[in-house]
PDB file of N, CA and C in Angstrom:
ATOM      1  N   MET A   1      60.583 120.760  61.408  1.00  0.00           N
ATOM      2  CA  MET A   1      61.642 120.979  62.377  1.00  0.00           C
ATOM      3  C   MET A   1      61.411 120.125  63.630  1.00  0.00           C
ATOM      4  N   ILE A   2      60.172 120.085  64.105  1.00  0.00           N
ATOM      5  CA  ILE A   2      59.863 119.287  65.296  1.00  0.00           C
ATOM      6  C   ILE A   2      60.012 117.807  65.001  1.00  0.00           C
ATOM      7  N   VAL A   3      59.766 117.413  63.739  1.00  0.00           N
ATOM      8  CA  VAL A   3      59.912 116.005  63.364  1.00  0.00           C
ATOM      9  C   VAL A   3      61.380 115.594  63.468  1.00  0.00           C
ATOM     10  N   ARG A   4      62.300 116.468  63.058  1.00  0.00           N
ATOM     11  CA  ARG A   4      63.732 116.184  63.173  1.00  0.00           C
ATOM     12  C   ARG A   4      64.140 116.018  64.636  1.00  0.00           C
ATOM     13  N   LEU A   5      63.604 116.866  65.495  1.00  0.00           N
ATOM     14  CA  LEU A   5      63.917 116.787  66.911  1.00  0.00           C
ATOM     15  C   LEU A   5      63.426 115.465  67.502  1.00  0.00           C
ATOM     16  N   ILE A   6      62.229 115.063  67.156  1.00  0.00           N
ATOM     17  CA  ILE A   6      61.664 113.810  67.660  1.00  0.00           C
ATOM     18  C   ILE A   6      62.487 112.624  67.156  1.00  0.00           C
ATOM     19  N   VAL A   7      62.864 112.648  65.891  1.00  0.00           N
ATOM     20  CA  VAL A   7      63.678 111.565  65.331  1.00  0.00           C
ATOM     21  C   VAL A   7      65.035 111.531  66.025  1.00  0.00           C
ATOM     22  N   PHE A   8      65.648 112.677  66.251  1.00  0.00           N
ATOM     23  CA  PHE A   8      66.942 112.744  66.921  1.00  0.00           C
ATOM     24  C   PHE A   8      66.841 112.177  68.334  1.00  0.00           C
ATOM     25  N   VAL A   9      65.828 112.560  69.089  1.00  0.00           N
ATOM     26  CA  VAL A   9      65.648 112.063  70.451  1.00  0.00           C
ATOM     27  C   VAL A   9      65.410 110.550  70.435  1.00  0.00           C
ATOM     28  N   ALA A  10      64.614 110.062  69.480  1.00  0.00           N
ATOM     29  CA  ALA A  10      64.348 108.625  69.383  1.00  0.00           C
ATOM     30  C   ALA A  10      65.633 107.866  69.074  1.00  0.00           C
ATOM     31  N   ILE A  11      66.439 108.357  68.138  1.00  0.00           N
ATOM     32  CA  ILE A  11      67.710 107.698  67.812  1.00  0.00           C
ATOM     33  C   ILE A  11      68.646 107.713  69.012  1.00  0.00           C
ATOM     34  N   PHE A  12      68.674 108.830  69.735  1.00  0.00           N
ATOM     35  CA  PHE A  12      69.527 108.932  70.918  1.00  0.00           C
ATOM     36  C   PHE A  12      69.136 107.888  71.955  1.00  0.00           C
ATOM     37  N   PHE A  13      67.841 107.760  72.254  1.00  0.00           N
ATOM     38  CA  PHE A  13      67.404 106.798  73.265  1.00  0.00           C
ATOM     39  C   PHE A  13      67.596 105.353  72.814  1.00  0.00           C
ATOM     40  N   ILE A  14      67.426 105.071  71.541  1.00  0.00           N
ATOM     41  CA  ILE A  14      67.675 103.723  71.037  1.00  0.00           C
ATOM     42  C   ILE A  14      69.161 103.390  71.159  1.00  0.00           C
ATOM     43  N   GLY A  15      70.020 104.335  70.820  1.00  0.00           N
ATOM     44  CA  GLY A  15      71.461 104.131  70.962  1.00  0.00           C
ATOM     45  C   GLY A  15      71.862 103.941  72.405  1.00  0.00           C
ATOM     46  N   TRP A  16      71.281 104.739  73.285  1.00  0.00           N
ATOM     47  CA  TRP A  16      71.573 104.615  74.717  1.00  0.00           C
ATOM     48  C   TRP A  16      71.120 103.260  75.241  1.00  0.00           C
ATOM     49  N   TRP A  17      69.938 102.818  74.840  1.00  0.00           N
ATOM     50  CA  TRP A  17      69.431 101.521  75.277  1.00  0.00           C
ATOM     51  C   TRP A  17      70.325 100.383  74.770  1.00  0.00           C
ATOM     52  N   LEU A  18      70.750 100.456  73.503  1.00  0.00           N
ATOM     53  CA  LEU A  18      71.639  99.428  72.963  1.00  0.00           C
ATOM     54  C   LEU A  18      72.972  99.413  73.704  1.00  0.00           C
ATOM     55  N   TYR A  19      73.502 100.582  74.019  1.00  0.00           N
ATOM     56  CA  TYR A  19      74.760 100.650  74.770  1.00  0.00           C
ATOM     57  C   TYR A  19      74.602 100.006  76.141  1.00  0.00           C
ATOM     58  N   ARG A  20      73.527 100.293  76.857  1.00  0.00           N
ATOM     59  CA  ARG A  20      73.290  99.711  78.177  1.00  0.00           C
ATOM     60  C   ARG A  20      73.143  98.189  78.078  1.00  0.00           C
ATOM     61  N   GLN A  21      72.454  97.708  77.045  1.00  0.00           N
ATOM     62  CA  GLN A  21      72.302  96.267  76.873  1.00  0.00           C
ATOM     63  C   GLN A  21      73.660  95.607  76.615  1.00  0.00           C
ATOM     64  N   PHE A  22      74.503  96.270  75.828  1.00  0.00           N
ATOM     65  CA  PHE A  22      75.839  95.740  75.548  1.00  0.00           C
ATOM     66  C   PHE A  22      76.672  95.680  76.816  1.00  0.00           C
ATOM     67  N   VAL A  23      76.631  96.736  77.623  1.00  0.00           N
ATOM     68  CA  VAL A  23      77.401  96.763  78.870  1.00  0.00           C
ATOM     69  C   VAL A  23      76.904  95.691  79.825  1.00  0.00           C
ATOM     70  N   LEU A  24      75.607  95.527  79.954  1.00  0.00           N
ATOM     71  CA  LEU A  24      75.063  94.493  80.831  1.00  0.00           C
ATOM     72  C   LEU A  24      75.427  93.095  80.333  1.00  0.00           C
ATOM     73  N   PHE A  25      75.376  92.891  79.029  1.00  0.00           N
ATOM     74  CA  PHE A  25      75.716  91.586  78.469  1.00  0.00           C
ATOM     75  C   PHE A  25      77.194  91.276  78.679  1.00  0.00           C
ATOM     76  N   LYS A  26      78.031  92.251  78.448  1.00  0.00           N
ATOM     77  CA  LYS A  26      79.474  92.045  78.586  1.00  0.00           C
ATOM     78  C   LYS A  26      79.870  91.827  80.043  1.00  0.00           C
ATOM     79  N   GLY A  27      79.216  92.521  80.969  1.00  0.00           N
ATOM     80  CA  GLY A  27      79.569  92.416  82.377  1.00  0.00           C
ATOM     81  C   GLY A  27      78.864  91.315  83.131  1.00  0.00           C
ATOM     82  N   SER A  28      77.916  90.664  82.507  1.00  0.00           N
ATOM     83  CA  SER A  28      77.164  89.631  83.234  1.00  0.00           C
ATOM     84  C   SER A  28      77.984  88.353  83.339  1.00  0.00           C
ATOM     85  N   LYS A  29      77.734  87.628  84.434  1.00  0.00           N
ATOM     86  CA  LYS A  29      78.377  86.343  84.668  1.00  0.00           C
ATOM     87  C   LYS A  29      77.281  85.304  84.812  1.00  0.00           C
ATOM     88  N   SER A  30      77.677  84.063  84.738  1.00  0.00           N
ATOM     89  CA  SER A  30      76.698  83.015  84.996  1.00  0.00           C
ATOM     90  C   SER A  30      76.347  83.054  86.479  1.00  0.00           C
ATOM     91  N   PRO A  31      75.118  82.740  86.864  1.00  0.00           N
ATOM     92  CA  PRO A  31      74.719  82.820  88.275  1.00  0.00           C
ATOM     93  C   PRO A  31      75.557  81.949  89.196  1.00  0.00           C
ATOM     94  N   GLU A  32      75.960  80.772  88.743  1.00  0.00           N
ATOM     95  CA  GLU A  32      76.769  79.889  89.586  1.00  0.00           C
ATOM     96  C   GLU A  32      78.135  80.508  89.859  1.00  0.00           C
ATOM     97  N   LYS A  33      78.733  81.082  88.833  1.00  0.00           N
ATOM     98  CA  LYS A  33      80.054  81.686  88.988  1.00  0.00           C
ATOM     99  C   LYS A  33      79.976  82.920  89.878  1.00  0.00           C
ATOM    100  N   ALA A  34      78.919  83.701  89.742  1.00  0.00           N
ATOM    101  CA  ALA A  34      78.755  84.893  90.572  1.00  0.00           C
ATOM    102  C   ALA A  34      78.605  84.521  92.040  1.00  0.00           C
ATOM    103  N   GLN A  35      77.863  83.464  92.342  1.00  0.00           N
ATOM    104  CA  GLN A  35      77.698  83.041  93.729  1.00  0.00           C
ATOM    105  C   GLN A  35      79.008  82.536  94.309  1.00  0.00           C
ATOM    106  N   LYS A  36      79.785  81.820  93.520  1.00  0.00           N
ATOM    107  CA  LYS A  36      81.063  81.316  94.002  1.00  0.00           C
ATOM    108  C   LYS A  36      82.007  82.453  94.333  1.00  0.00           C
ATOM    109  N   THR A  37      82.068  83.468  93.473  1.00  0.00           N
ATOM    110  CA  THR A  37      82.984  84.578  93.735  1.00  0.00           C
ATOM    111  C   THR A  37      82.516  85.402  94.921  1.00  0.00           C
ATOM    112  N   ASP A  38      81.207  85.574  95.099  1.00  0.00           N
ATOM    113  CA  ASP A  38      80.695  86.326  96.246  1.00  0.00           C
ATOM    114  C   ASP A  38      81.030  85.622  97.554  1.00  0.00           C
ATOM    115  N   SER A  39      80.827  84.314  97.615  1.00  0.00           N
ATOM    116  CA  SER A  39      81.123  83.590  98.846  1.00  0.00           C
ATOM    117  C   SER A  39      82.622  83.550  99.110  1.00  0.00           C
ATOM    118  N   ALA A  40      83.422  83.481  98.071  1.00  0.00           N
ATOM    119  CA  ALA A  40      84.875  83.481  98.249  1.00  0.00           C
ATOM    120  C   ALA A  40      85.346  84.830  98.787  1.00  0.00           C
ATOM    121  N   LYS A  41      84.751  85.913  98.302  1.00  0.00           N
ATOM    122  CA  LYS A  41      85.121  87.239  98.804  1.00  0.00           C
ATOM    123  C   LYS A  41      84.760  87.379 100.268  1.00  0.00           C
ATOM    124  N   LYS A  42      83.611  86.865 100.680  1.00  0.00           N
ATOM    125  CA  LYS A  42      83.208  86.942 102.081  1.00  0.00           C
ATOM    126  C   LYS A  42      84.187  86.178 102.965  1.00  0.00           C
ATOM    127  N   ASP A  43      84.555  84.986 102.528  1.00  0.00           N
ATOM    128  CA  ASP A  43      85.467  84.167 103.327  1.00  0.00           C
ATOM    129  C   ASP A  43      86.824  84.836 103.481  1.00  0.00           C
ATOM    130  N   GLU A  44      87.312  85.475 102.437  1.00  0.00           N
ATOM    131  CA  GLU A  44      88.619  86.104 102.491  1.00  0.00           C
ATOM    132  C   GLU A  44      88.605  87.378 103.316  1.00  0.00           C
ATOM    133  N   SER A  45      87.527  88.146 103.238  1.00  0.00           N
ATOM    134  CA  SER A  45      87.525  89.461 103.867  1.00  0.00           C
ATOM    135  C   SER A  45      87.045  89.432 105.319  1.00  0.00           C
ATOM    136  N   GLN A  46      86.297  88.429 105.725  1.00  0.00           N
ATOM    137  CA  GLN A  46      85.766  88.392 107.079  1.00  0.00           C
ATOM    138  C   GLN A  46      86.659  87.559 107.983  1.00  0.00           C
ATOM    139  N   GLU A  47      86.857  88.084 109.179  1.00  0.00           N
ATOM    140  CA  GLU A  47      87.636  87.375 110.173  1.00  0.00           C
ATOM    141  C   GLU A  47      86.817  87.368 111.458  1.00  0.00           C
ATOM    142  N   SER A  48      86.902  86.296 112.201  1.00  0.00           N
ATOM    143  CA  SER A  48      86.118  86.218 113.426  1.00  0.00           C
ATOM    144  C   SER A  48      86.700  87.169 114.476  1.00  0.00           C
ATOM    145  N   MET A  49      85.813  87.685 115.308  1.00  0.00           N
ATOM    146  CA  MET A  49      86.196  88.628 116.354  1.00  0.00           C
ATOM    147  C   MET A  49      86.093  87.923 117.706  1.00  0.00           C
ATOM    148  N   VAL A  50      86.966  88.314 118.622  1.00  0.00           N
ATOM    149  CA  VAL A  50      86.938  87.789 119.981  1.00  0.00           C
ATOM    150  C   VAL A  50      86.861  88.955 120.954  1.00  0.00           C
ATOM    151  N   ARG A  51      86.261  88.697 122.117  1.00  0.00           N
ATOM    152  CA  ARG A  51      86.084  89.746 123.119  1.00  0.00           C
ATOM    153  C   ARG A  51      87.204  89.671 124.150  1.00  0.00           C
ATOM    154  N   CYS A  52      87.824  90.811 124.392  1.00  0.00           N
ATOM    155  CA  CYS A  52      88.891  90.895 125.382  1.00  0.00           C
ATOM    156  C   CYS A  52      88.307  90.596 126.764  1.00  0.00           C
ATOM    157  N   GLU A  53      88.976  89.757 127.534  1.00  0.00           N
ATOM    158  CA  GLU A  53      88.503  89.385 128.867  1.00  0.00           C
ATOM    159  C   GLU A  53      88.594  90.552 129.852  1.00  0.00           C
ATOM    160  N   GLU A  54      89.465  91.493 129.594  1.00  0.00           N
ATOM    161  CA  GLU A  54      89.663  92.605 130.520  1.00  0.00           C
ATOM    162  C   GLU A  54      88.713  93.769 130.232  1.00  0.00           C
ATOM    163  N   CYS A  55      88.714  94.280 129.015  1.00  0.00           N
ATOM    164  CA  CYS A  55      87.937  95.499 128.713  1.00  0.00           C
ATOM    165  C   CYS A  55      86.662  95.220 127.918  1.00  0.00           C
ATOM    166  N   GLN A  56      86.449  93.997 127.505  1.00  0.00           N
ATOM    167  CA  GLN A  56      85.246  93.563 126.800  1.00  0.00           C
ATOM    168  C   GLN A  56      85.095  94.182 125.407  1.00  0.00           C
ATOM    169  N   THR A  57      86.169  94.660 124.808  1.00  0.00           N
ATOM    170  CA  THR A  57      86.096  95.156 123.435  1.00  0.00           C
ATOM    171  C   THR A  57      86.416  94.019 122.479  1.00  0.00           C
ATOM    172  N   PHE A  58      85.901  94.144 121.263  1.00  0.00           N
ATOM    173  CA  PHE A  58      86.133  93.108 120.264  1.00  0.00           C
ATOM    174  C   PHE A  58      87.417  93.398 119.498  1.00  0.00           C
ATOM    175  N   THR A  59      88.159  92.332 119.241  1.00  0.00           N
ATOM    176  CA  THR A  59      89.425  92.401 118.531  1.00  0.00           C
ATOM    177  C   THR A  59      89.455  91.271 117.504  1.00  0.00           C
ATOM    178  N   PRO A  60      90.033  91.496 116.332  1.00  0.00           N
ATOM    179  CA  PRO A  60      90.169  90.384 115.379  1.00  0.00           C
ATOM    180  C   PRO A  60      90.991  89.250 115.992  1.00  0.00           C
ATOM    181  N   ARG A  61      90.603  88.037 115.690  1.00  0.00           N
ATOM    182  CA  ARG A  61      91.261  86.874 116.287  1.00  0.00           C
ATOM    183  C   ARG A  61      92.761  86.860 116.005  1.00  0.00           C
ATOM    184  N   SER A  62      93.173  87.309 114.834  1.00  0.00           N
ATOM    185  CA  SER A  62      94.597  87.284 114.499  1.00  0.00           C
ATOM    186  C   SER A  62      95.394  88.330 115.278  1.00  0.00           C
ATOM    187  N   HIS A  63      94.742  89.370 115.815  1.00  0.00           N
ATOM    188  CA  HIS A  63      95.430  90.416 116.573  1.00  0.00           C
ATOM    189  C   HIS A  63      95.391  90.167 118.078  1.00  0.00           C
ATOM    190  N   ALA A  64      94.565  89.247 118.507  1.00  0.00           N
ATOM    191  CA  ALA A  64      94.395  89.000 119.941  1.00  0.00           C
ATOM    192  C   ALA A  64      95.587  88.238 120.514  1.00  0.00           C
ATOM    193  N   ILE A  65      95.808  88.471 121.801  1.00  0.00           N
ATOM    194  CA  ILE A  65      96.837  87.753 122.546  1.00  0.00           C
ATOM    195  C   ILE A  65      96.112  86.774 123.452  1.00  0.00           C
ATOM    196  N   HIS A  66      96.539  85.517 123.457  1.00  0.00           N
ATOM    197  CA  HIS A  66      95.861  84.484 124.239  1.00  0.00           C
ATOM    198  C   HIS A  66      96.763  84.020 125.384  1.00  0.00           C
ATOM    199  N   ASP A  67      96.123  83.715 126.506  1.00  0.00           N
ATOM    200  CA  ASP A  67      96.891  83.162 127.636  1.00  0.00           C
ATOM    201  C   ASP A  67      96.874  81.634 127.567  1.00  0.00           C
ATOM    202  N   GLN A  68      97.325  80.975 128.632  1.00  0.00           N
ATOM    203  CA  GLN A  68      97.417  79.523 128.629  1.00  0.00           C
ATOM    204  C   GLN A  68      96.059  78.849 128.523  1.00  0.00           C
ATOM    205  N   ASP A  69      95.018  79.506 129.022  1.00  0.00           N
ATOM    206  CA  ASP A  69      93.668  78.947 128.975  1.00  0.00           C
ATOM    207  C   ASP A  69      92.904  79.365 127.720  1.00  0.00           C
ATOM    208  N   ALA A  70      93.607  79.929 126.757  1.00  0.00           N
ATOM    209  CA  ALA A  70      93.047  80.358 125.468  1.00  0.00           C
ATOM    210  C   ALA A  70      92.043  81.499 125.609  1.00  0.00           C
ATOM    211  N   ARG A  71      92.191  82.299 126.664  1.00  0.00           N
ATOM    212  CA  ARG A  71      91.341  83.487 126.800  1.00  0.00           C
ATOM    213  C   ARG A  71      91.949  84.616 125.972  1.00  0.00           C
ATOM    214  N   PRO A  72      91.132  85.328 125.204  1.00  0.00           N
ATOM    215  CA  PRO A  72      91.668  86.386 124.341  1.00  0.00           C
ATOM    216  C   PRO A  72      91.796  87.733 125.069  1.00  0.00           C
ATOM    217  N   PHE A  73      92.836  88.482 124.706  1.00  0.00           N
ATOM    218  CA  PHE A  73      93.055  89.831 125.223  1.00  0.00           C
ATOM    219  C   PHE A  73      93.448  90.728 124.063  1.00  0.00           C
ATOM    220  N   CYS A  74      93.100  92.008 124.161  1.00  0.00           N
ATOM    221  CA  CYS A  74      93.404  92.929 123.068  1.00  0.00           C
ATOM    222  C   CYS A  74      94.837  93.436 123.127  1.00  0.00           C
ATOM    223  N   SER A  75      95.482  93.371 124.286  1.00  0.00           N
ATOM    224  CA  SER A  75      96.868  93.829 124.397  1.00  0.00           C
ATOM    225  C   SER A  75      97.565  93.081 125.532  1.00  0.00           C
ATOM    226  N   ALA A  76      98.884  93.187 125.539  1.00  0.00           N
ATOM    227  CA  ALA A  76      99.668  92.531 126.586  1.00  0.00           C
ATOM    228  C   ALA A  76      99.405  93.186 127.943  1.00  0.00           C
ATOM    229  N   GLU A  77      99.135  94.492 127.952  1.00  0.00           N
ATOM    230  CA  GLU A  77      98.825  95.188 129.203  1.00  0.00           C
ATOM    231  C   GLU A  77      97.559  94.635 129.839  1.00  0.00           C
ATOM    232  N   HIS A  78      96.555  94.350 129.022  1.00  0.00           N
ATOM    233  CA  HIS A  78      95.312  93.801 129.559  1.00  0.00           C
ATOM    234  C   HIS A  78      95.511  92.370 130.050  1.00  0.00           C
ATOM    235  N   LEU A  79      96.370  91.638 129.414  1.00  0.00           N
ATOM    236  CA  LEU A  79      96.689  90.293 129.885  1.00  0.00           C
ATOM    237  C   LEU A  79      97.361  90.360 131.259  1.00  0.00           C
ATOM    238  N   LYS A  80      98.292  91.283 131.439  1.00  0.00           N
ATOM    239  CA  LYS A  80      98.971  91.451 132.731  1.00  0.00           C
ATOM    240  C   LYS A  80      97.991  91.912 133.797  1.00  0.00           C
ATOM    241  N   ALA A  81      97.130  92.864 133.444  1.00  0.00           N
ATOM    242  CA  ALA A  81      96.146  93.368 134.418  1.00  0.00           C
ATOM    243  C   ALA A  81      95.182  92.270 134.838  1.00  0.00           C
ATOM    244  N   PHE A  82      94.763  91.445 133.901  1.00  0.00           N
ATOM    245  CA  PHE A  82      93.852  90.336 134.210  1.00  0.00           C
ATOM    246  C   PHE A  82      94.522  89.323 135.126  1.00  0.00           C
ATOM    247  N   ASN A  83      95.791  89.038 134.859  1.00  0.00           N
ATOM    248  CA  ASN A  83      96.529  88.083 135.688  1.00  0.00           C
ATOM    249  C   ASN A  83      96.752  88.619 137.112  1.00  0.00           C
ATOM    250  N   LYS A  84      96.908  89.915 137.267  1.00  0.00           N
ATOM    251  CA  LYS A  84      97.063  90.497 138.602  1.00  0.00           C
ATOM    252  C   LYS A  84      95.774  90.391 139.400  1.00  0.00           C
ATOM    253  N   LYS A  85      94.631  90.571 138.712  1.00  0.00           N
ATOM    254  CA  LYS A  85      93.334  90.508 139.399  1.00  0.00           C
ATOM    255  C   LYS A  85      92.986  89.074 139.806  1.00  0.00           C
ATOM    256  N   HIS A  86      93.360  88.115 138.991  1.00  0.00           N
ATOM    257  CA  HIS A  86      92.928  86.736 139.235  1.00  0.00           C
ATOM    258  C   HIS A  86      94.068  85.884 139.620  1.00  0.00           C
TER     259      HIS A  86
END
């Protein structure tokens, strides 16, 4: 009876190991292709941040409002407040 249990456990672990090897083989990519996709994802998802001249908080460059001197602001209100001070 114990021999059957040992054989069953051994077959189970061999099957599990083969399944994991198959999944890893199927999901693996060439190292060059993996590096290219990783760097492409970083470039697409990351955007540079700029610091608002008025409140000093960081804002994505595409959301910032710039004045004539290319100074970034997080909102039009901060741009007006900065212009009143200076």
